Amino acid sequence: MVRMTMQSLLGSVFGAALLASSSSTVFAQAPEGYFTKEQAASGAALFSANCAQCHGAQLQGDEAPALKGKDVMGSWITAQGIYDYFSVAMPPSNPGQLGNTAYIEILSHILSTNGAPSGARALALADLPKIELVKATAAGSAPAAAPANAAAAPSAPKLPQAFTAGKALPTVGDAPKADAAAPAAPKLPQAFTAGKTLPTAVPSNAPLELPGPGAPR
């Protein structure tokens, strides 16, 4: 009886440990949410008041580095990495003085803006080392997939080629080019006087010269 009780107790302890380990792994890889919507909303207000002046209202980076994008998330590796930095050094005017709750909420806003999902479970300090930022924000960096039943966009109709396609068009002022050579002008026969000096007209009052005797008539 004692042996069975010990076996049952050990089995229960082992099962509980396995369940806790499994729950931790699930949270780190594919949770239903990393923070609550309330945490993200409160963090947005805190970010606007303390961080947006330098990092930009959309985390795009103005006077300070951007806090959005896959490369940014990858440079910090886990949520613990980025939290450890800004919870001590930020904001420059009051570094490290906002309190853990405020910094957790600011981190929730940063995660939300980068595409991490919210859920029913509030983000806590103990969760930060288990949150891999690139995986957590993968939904925000991946392009949206087209719906499976979306119809393909109709292609533009093919219009017939104009008969001038591929030919050089004349510019304004160009004379039209004849397709065939123009026929040559007909050659008229030369008059028998061509090349000879023609006599001038005789005035009406000029004396008429008659041929002399013996002149050929």
C-alpha atoms as a PDB file:
ATOM      1  CA  MET A   1       0.000   0.000   0.000  1.00  0.00           C
ATOM      2  CA  VAL A   2       2.803   2.399   0.922  1.00  0.00           C
ATOM      3  CA  ARG A   3       4.689   1.465  -2.276  1.00  0.00           C
ATOM      4  CA  MET A   4       1.623   2.212  -4.426  1.00  0.00           C
ATOM      5  CA  THR A   5       1.121   5.513  -2.637  1.00  0.00           C
ATOM      6  CA  MET A   6       4.738   6.528  -3.293  1.00  0.00           C
ATOM      7  CA  GLN A   7       4.426   5.475  -6.922  1.00  0.00           C
ATOM      8  CA  SER A   8       1.229   7.496  -7.299  1.00  0.00           C
ATOM      9  CA  LEU A   9       2.864  10.499  -5.629  1.00  0.00           C
ATOM     10  CA  LEU A  10       5.952  10.322  -7.830  1.00  0.00           C
ATOM     11  CA  GLY A  11       3.751   9.952 -10.885  1.00  0.00           C
ATOM     12  CA  SER A  12       1.757  13.017  -9.945  1.00  0.00           C
ATOM     13  CA  VAL A  13       4.893  15.092  -9.326  1.00  0.00           C
ATOM     14  CA  PHE A  14       6.435  13.952 -12.599  1.00  0.00           C
ATOM     15  CA  GLY A  15       3.211  14.683 -14.475  1.00  0.00           C
ATOM     16  CA  ALA A  16       2.942  18.161 -12.972  1.00  0.00           C
ATOM     17  CA  ALA A  17       6.556  18.933 -13.882  1.00  0.00           C
ATOM     18  CA  LEU A  18       6.006  17.719 -17.431  1.00  0.00           C
ATOM     19  CA  LEU A  19       2.863  19.823 -17.741  1.00  0.00           C
ATOM     20  CA  ALA A  20       4.648  22.921 -16.458  1.00  0.00           C
ATOM     21  CA  SER A  21       7.507  22.370 -18.884  1.00  0.00           C
ATOM     22  CA  SER A  22       5.077  21.872 -21.738  1.00  0.00           C
ATOM     23  CA  SER A  23       3.162  25.026 -20.836  1.00  0.00           C
ATOM     24  CA  SER A  24       6.396  27.033 -20.765  1.00  0.00           C
ATOM     25  CA  THR A  25       7.393  25.748 -24.190  1.00  0.00           C
ATOM     26  CA  VAL A  26       3.983  26.515 -25.669  1.00  0.00           C
ATOM     27  CA  PHE A  27       4.077  30.079 -24.348  1.00  0.00           C
ATOM     28  CA  ALA A  28       7.511  30.625 -25.840  1.00  0.00           C
ATOM     29  CA  GLN A  29       6.620  29.263 -29.277  1.00  0.00           C
ATOM     30  CA  ALA A  30       2.937  29.717 -30.055  1.00  0.00           C
ATOM     31  CA  PRO A  31       0.853  31.307 -27.282  1.00  0.00           C
ATOM     32  CA  GLU A  32      -2.667  32.566 -27.703  1.00  0.00           C
ATOM     33  CA  GLY A  33      -1.351  36.015 -26.812  1.00  0.00           C
ATOM     34  CA  TYR A  34       1.673  37.620 -25.186  1.00  0.00           C
ATOM     35  CA  PHE A  35      -0.092  40.513 -23.426  1.00  0.00           C
ATOM     36  CA  THR A  36      -3.554  41.906 -22.934  1.00  0.00           C
ATOM     37  CA  LYS A  37      -5.140  44.614 -25.062  1.00  0.00           C
ATOM     38  CA  GLU A  38      -5.317  46.781 -21.967  1.00  0.00           C
ATOM     39  CA  GLN A  39      -1.553  46.509 -21.447  1.00  0.00           C
ATOM     40  CA  ALA A  40      -0.913  47.481 -25.071  1.00  0.00           C
ATOM     41  CA  ALA A  41      -3.335  50.437 -24.896  1.00  0.00           C
ATOM     42  CA  SER A  42      -1.789  51.749 -21.690  1.00  0.00           C
ATOM     43  CA  GLY A  43       1.668  51.224 -23.169  1.00  0.00           C
ATOM     44  CA  ALA A  44       0.717  53.258 -26.240  1.00  0.00           C
ATOM     45  CA  ALA A  45      -0.167  56.240 -24.045  1.00  0.00           C
ATOM     46  CA  LEU A  46       3.053  55.883 -22.055  1.00  0.00           C
ATOM     47  CA  PHE A  47       5.101  55.554 -25.241  1.00  0.00           C
ATOM     48  CA  SER A  48       3.509  58.675 -26.704  1.00  0.00           C
ATOM     49  CA  ALA A  49       4.318  60.657 -23.582  1.00  0.00           C
ATOM     50  CA  ASN A  50       7.860  59.383 -22.958  1.00  0.00           C
ATOM     51  CA  CYS A  51       9.291  57.841 -26.148  1.00  0.00           C
ATOM     52  CA  ALA A  52       7.588  59.075 -29.327  1.00  0.00           C
ATOM     53  CA  GLN A  53       9.453  62.378 -29.402  1.00  0.00           C
ATOM     54  CA  CYS A  54      12.671  60.530 -30.263  1.00  0.00           C
ATOM     55  CA  HIS A  55      11.535  57.151 -31.627  1.00  0.00           C
ATOM     56  CA  GLY A  56       8.544  58.436 -33.635  1.00  0.00           C
ATOM     57  CA  ALA A  57       4.824  57.981 -33.099  1.00  0.00           C
ATOM     58  CA  GLN A  58       4.861  54.860 -35.301  1.00  0.00           C
ATOM     59  CA  LEU A  59       8.172  53.575 -33.867  1.00  0.00           C
ATOM     60  CA  GLN A  60       9.770  54.453 -37.197  1.00  0.00           C
ATOM     61  CA  GLY A  61      12.736  56.242 -35.624  1.00  0.00           C
ATOM     62  CA  ASP A  62      13.275  59.998 -35.887  1.00  0.00           C
ATOM     63  CA  GLU A  63      16.034  61.250 -33.603  1.00  0.00           C
ATOM     64  CA  ALA A  64      16.553  57.764 -32.114  1.00  0.00           C
ATOM     65  CA  PRO A  65      16.686  54.278 -33.702  1.00  0.00           C
ATOM     66  CA  ALA A  66      13.512  52.644 -34.946  1.00  0.00           C
ATOM     67  CA  LEU A  67      11.770  50.109 -32.740  1.00  0.00           C
ATOM     68  CA  LYS A  68       9.892  48.355 -35.521  1.00  0.00           C
ATOM     69  CA  GLY A  69      10.848  45.695 -38.058  1.00  0.00           C
ATOM     70  CA  LYS A  70      12.262  42.193 -38.258  1.00  0.00           C
ATOM     71  CA  ASP A  71      15.878  43.381 -38.120  1.00  0.00           C
ATOM     72  CA  VAL A  72      15.206  45.403 -34.972  1.00  0.00           C
ATOM     73  CA  MET A  73      13.464  42.503 -33.281  1.00  0.00           C
ATOM     74  CA  GLY A  74      16.262  40.119 -34.255  1.00  0.00           C
ATOM     75  CA  SER A  75      18.941  42.381 -32.807  1.00  0.00           C
ATOM     76  CA  TRP A  76      17.430  42.044 -29.295  1.00  0.00           C
ATOM     77  CA  ILE A  77      16.723  38.272 -29.608  1.00  0.00           C
ATOM     78  CA  THR A  78      14.306  38.045 -26.652  1.00  0.00           C
ATOM     79  CA  ALA A  79      11.915  40.394 -24.903  1.00  0.00           C
ATOM     80  CA  GLN A  80      14.255  40.275 -21.916  1.00  0.00           C
ATOM     81  CA  GLY A  81      17.036  41.858 -23.978  1.00  0.00           C
ATOM     82  CA  ILE A  82      15.112  44.935 -25.042  1.00  0.00           C
ATOM     83  CA  TYR A  83      13.455  45.287 -21.625  1.00  0.00           C
ATOM     84  CA  ASP A  84      16.783  45.182 -19.795  1.00  0.00           C
ATOM     85  CA  TYR A  85      18.005  48.091 -21.898  1.00  0.00           C
ATOM     86  CA  PHE A  86      15.121  50.547 -21.961  1.00  0.00           C
ATOM     87  CA  SER A  87      13.936  49.881 -18.399  1.00  0.00           C
ATOM     88  CA  VAL A  88      17.308  51.207 -17.217  1.00  0.00           C
ATOM     89  CA  ALA A  89      18.273  53.802 -19.852  1.00  0.00           C
ATOM     90  CA  MET A  90      14.933  55.270 -20.949  1.00  0.00           C
ATOM     91  CA  PRO A  91      13.573  57.847 -21.170  1.00  0.00           C
ATOM     92  CA  PRO A  92      16.700  60.013 -21.330  1.00  0.00           C
ATOM     93  CA  SER A  93      15.085  62.689 -19.185  1.00  0.00           C
ATOM     94  CA  ASN A  94      14.100  60.192 -16.477  1.00  0.00           C
ATOM     95  CA  PRO A  95      15.984  56.931 -17.062  1.00  0.00           C
ATOM     96  CA  GLY A  96      14.727  53.853 -15.279  1.00  0.00           C
ATOM     97  CA  GLN A  97      12.187  55.766 -13.182  1.00  0.00           C
ATOM     98  CA  LEU A  98       8.857  54.801 -14.785  1.00  0.00           C
ATOM     99  CA  GLY A  99       8.449  51.560 -12.821  1.00  0.00           C
ATOM    100  CA  ASN A 100       8.245  47.908 -13.898  1.00  0.00           C
ATOM    101  CA  THR A 101       4.529  48.054 -14.686  1.00  0.00           C
ATOM    102  CA  ALA A 102       4.975  51.019 -17.034  1.00  0.00           C
ATOM    103  CA  TYR A 103       7.940  49.429 -18.803  1.00  0.00           C
ATOM    104  CA  ILE A 104       6.037  46.141 -19.240  1.00  0.00           C
ATOM    105  CA  GLU A 105       3.149  48.078 -20.770  1.00  0.00           C
ATOM    106  CA  ILE A 106       5.486  49.991 -23.098  1.00  0.00           C
ATOM    107  CA  LEU A 107       6.995  46.669 -24.155  1.00  0.00           C
ATOM    108  CA  SER A 108       3.468  45.346 -24.802  1.00  0.00           C
ATOM    109  CA  HIS A 109       2.873  48.313 -27.113  1.00  0.00           C
ATOM    110  CA  ILE A 110       6.139  47.677 -28.953  1.00  0.00           C
ATOM    111  CA  LEU A 111       5.273  43.997 -29.406  1.00  0.00           C
ATOM    112  CA  SER A 112       1.763  44.870 -30.556  1.00  0.00           C
ATOM    113  CA  THR A 113       2.985  47.398 -33.108  1.00  0.00           C
ATOM    114  CA  ASN A 114       5.371  44.779 -34.490  1.00  0.00           C
ATOM    115  CA  GLY A 115       2.543  42.272 -34.968  1.00  0.00           C
ATOM    116  CA  ALA A 116       2.584  40.122 -31.825  1.00  0.00           C
ATOM    117  CA  PRO A 117      -0.926  38.984 -30.834  1.00  0.00           C
ATOM    118  CA  SER A 118      -2.712  39.973 -27.646  1.00  0.00           C
ATOM    119  CA  GLY A 119      -4.644  37.563 -25.470  1.00  0.00           C
ATOM    120  CA  ALA A 120      -6.219  37.003 -22.091  1.00  0.00           C
ATOM    121  CA  ARG A 121      -2.917  36.457 -20.273  1.00  0.00           C
ATOM    122  CA  ALA A 122      -1.089  39.539 -19.011  1.00  0.00           C
ATOM    123  CA  LEU A 123       2.609  39.932 -19.795  1.00  0.00           C
ATOM    124  CA  ALA A 124       4.843  39.513 -16.728  1.00  0.00           C
ATOM    125  CA  LEU A 125       8.550  39.893 -16.025  1.00  0.00           C
ATOM    126  CA  ALA A 126       8.971  36.119 -15.736  1.00  0.00           C
ATOM    127  CA  ASP A 127       7.751  35.675 -19.315  1.00  0.00           C
ATOM    128  CA  LEU A 128      10.332  37.913 -20.975  1.00  0.00           C
ATOM    129  CA  PRO A 129      13.255  35.435 -21.346  1.00  0.00           C
ATOM    130  CA  LYS A 130      10.928  32.942 -23.075  1.00  0.00           C
ATOM    131  CA  ILE A 131       9.629  35.340 -25.745  1.00  0.00           C
ATOM    132  CA  GLU A 132      11.695  35.177 -28.933  1.00  0.00           C
ATOM    133  CA  LEU A 133      10.985  38.479 -30.625  1.00  0.00           C
ATOM    134  CA  VAL A 134      11.310  37.377 -34.256  1.00  0.00           C
ATOM    135  CA  LYS A 135       8.908  34.461 -33.717  1.00  0.00           C
ATOM    136  CA  ALA A 136       6.512  36.493 -31.594  1.00  0.00           C
ATOM    137  CA  THR A 137       6.238  39.255 -34.217  1.00  0.00           C
ATOM    138  CA  ALA A 138       6.348  36.989 -37.298  1.00  0.00           C
ATOM    139  CA  ALA A 139       2.668  37.642 -38.072  1.00  0.00           C
ATOM    140  CA  GLY A 140       3.348  41.359 -38.373  1.00  0.00           C
ATOM    141  CA  SER A 141       6.341  40.993 -40.713  1.00  0.00           C
ATOM    142  CA  ALA A 142       4.826  38.343 -43.004  1.00  0.00           C
ATOM    143  CA  PRO A 143       2.939  39.581 -46.092  1.00  0.00           C
ATOM    144  CA  ALA A 144      -0.796  39.014 -45.989  1.00  0.00           C
ATOM    145  CA  ALA A 145      -1.843  35.971 -47.990  1.00  0.00           C
ATOM    146  CA  ALA A 146      -4.481  36.357 -50.684  1.00  0.00           C
ATOM    147  CA  PRO A 147      -7.811  34.629 -49.981  1.00  0.00           C
ATOM    148  CA  ALA A 148      -7.965  31.120 -51.411  1.00  0.00           C
ATOM    149  CA  ASN A 149     -11.192  31.811 -53.257  1.00  0.00           C
ATOM    150  CA  ALA A 150     -10.103  35.157 -54.648  1.00  0.00           C
ATOM    151  CA  ALA A 151     -10.528  35.310 -58.405  1.00  0.00           C
ATOM    152  CA  ALA A 152      -7.533  36.196 -60.491  1.00  0.00           C
ATOM    153  CA  ALA A 153      -7.571  39.700 -61.846  1.00  0.00           C
ATOM    154  CA  PRO A 154      -8.689  39.744 -65.508  1.00  0.00           C
ATOM    155  CA  SER A 155      -5.888  40.356 -67.931  1.00  0.00           C
ATOM    156  CA  ALA A 156      -6.036  43.390 -70.163  1.00  0.00           C
ATOM    157  CA  PRO A 157      -7.598  42.669 -73.570  1.00  0.00           C
ATOM    158  CA  LYS A 158      -5.176  42.338 -76.457  1.00  0.00           C
ATOM    159  CA  LEU A 159      -5.790  45.069 -79.023  1.00  0.00           C
ATOM    160  CA  PRO A 160      -4.981  44.487 -82.711  1.00  0.00           C
ATOM    161  CA  GLN A 161      -1.784  46.030 -83.995  1.00  0.00           C
ATOM    162  CA  ALA A 162      -2.234  49.072 -86.194  1.00  0.00           C
ATOM    163  CA  PHE A 163      -1.044  48.655 -89.777  1.00  0.00           C
ATOM    164  CA  THR A 164       1.670  51.214 -89.030  1.00  0.00           C
ATOM    165  CA  ALA A 165       3.110  49.146 -86.168  1.00  0.00           C
ATOM    166  CA  GLY A 166       6.871  48.926 -86.471  1.00  0.00           C
ATOM    167  CA  LYS A 167       7.059  51.594 -89.157  1.00  0.00           C
ATOM    168  CA  ALA A 168       8.510  55.060 -88.829  1.00  0.00           C
ATOM    169  CA  LEU A 169       5.744  57.622 -88.893  1.00  0.00           C
ATOM    170  CA  PRO A 170       6.361  60.901 -90.796  1.00  0.00           C
ATOM    171  CA  THR A 171       6.804  64.054 -88.813  1.00  0.00           C
ATOM    172  CA  VAL A 172       4.801  67.194 -89.464  1.00  0.00           C
ATOM    173  CA  GLY A 173       5.967  68.878 -92.689  1.00  0.00           C
ATOM    174  CA  ASP A 174       7.400  65.763 -94.324  1.00  0.00           C
ATOM    175  CA  ALA A 175       6.281  65.309 -97.901  1.00  0.00           C
ATOM    176  CA  PRO A 176       4.501  62.015 -98.505  1.00  0.00           C
ATOM    177  CA  LYS A 177       6.643  59.421-100.163  1.00  0.00           C
ATOM    178  CA  ALA A 178       5.176  57.852-103.263  1.00  0.00           C
ATOM    179  CA  ASP A 179       5.060  54.083-103.243  1.00  0.00           C
ATOM    180  CA  ALA A 180       5.996  53.921-106.973  1.00  0.00           C
ATOM    181  CA  ALA A 181       8.179  56.158-109.133  1.00  0.00           C
ATOM    182  CA  ALA A 182       6.244  58.944-110.842  1.00  0.00           C
ATOM    183  CA  PRO A 183       5.900  58.436-114.631  1.00  0.00           C
ATOM    184  CA  ALA A 184       8.292  60.506-116.715  1.00  0.00           C
ATOM    185  CA  ALA A 185       6.864  63.344-118.831  1.00  0.00           C
ATOM    186  CA  PRO A 186       6.356  62.294-122.488  1.00  0.00           C
ATOM    187  CA  LYS A 187       9.039  63.474-124.894  1.00  0.00           C
ATOM    188  CA  LEU A 188       7.615  65.791-127.593  1.00  0.00           C
ATOM    189  CA  PRO A 189       9.157  65.738-131.086  1.00  0.00           C
ATOM    190  CA  GLN A 190      11.622  68.556-131.803  1.00  0.00           C
ATOM    191  CA  ALA A 191      10.468  71.134-134.345  1.00  0.00           C
ATOM    192  CA  PHE A 192      12.500  71.223-137.595  1.00  0.00           C
ATOM    193  CA  THR A 193      13.617  74.727-136.649  1.00  0.00           C
ATOM    194  CA  ALA A 194      15.180  73.574-133.409  1.00  0.00           C
ATOM    195  CA  GLY A 195      18.597  75.091-132.986  1.00  0.00           C
ATOM    196  CA  LYS A 196      18.183  77.574-135.898  1.00  0.00           C
ATOM    197  CA  THR A 197      17.850  81.342-135.756  1.00  0.00           C
ATOM    198  CA  LEU A 198      14.364  82.330-136.674  1.00  0.00           C
ATOM    199  CA  PRO A 199      13.801  85.513-138.720  1.00  0.00           C
ATOM    200  CA  THR A 200      12.366  88.511-137.042  1.00  0.00           C
ATOM    201  CA  ALA A 201       9.090  89.978-138.090  1.00  0.00           C
ATOM    202  CA  VAL A 202       9.214  92.533-141.063  1.00  0.00           C
ATOM    203  CA  PRO A 203       7.737  95.922-140.210  1.00  0.00           C
ATOM    204  CA  SER A 204       4.669  96.842-142.285  1.00  0.00           C
ATOM    205  CA  ASN A 205       6.240 100.116-143.540  1.00  0.00           C
ATOM    206  CA  ALA A 206       9.493  98.516-144.669  1.00  0.00           C
ATOM    207  CA  PRO A 207      10.128  98.422-148.471  1.00  0.00           C
ATOM    208  CA  LEU A 208       9.520  95.077-150.002  1.00  0.00           C
ATOM    209  CA  GLU A 209      12.601  93.669-151.629  1.00  0.00           C
ATOM    210  CA  LEU A 210      11.866  91.672-154.691  1.00  0.00           C
ATOM    211  CA  PRO A 211      14.254  89.130-155.994  1.00  0.00           C
ATOM    212  CA  GLY A 212      16.283  90.232-158.986  1.00  0.00           C
ATOM    213  CA  PRO A 213      16.299  88.631-162.348  1.00  0.00           C
ATOM    214  CA  GLY A 214      17.834  85.229-162.339  1.00  0.00           C
ATOM    215  CA  ALA A 215      17.155  84.730-158.625  1.00  0.00           C
ATOM    216  CA  PRO A 216      15.594  81.425-157.806  1.00  0.00           C
ATOM    217  CA  ARG A 217      11.915  81.542-157.297  1.00  0.00           C
END
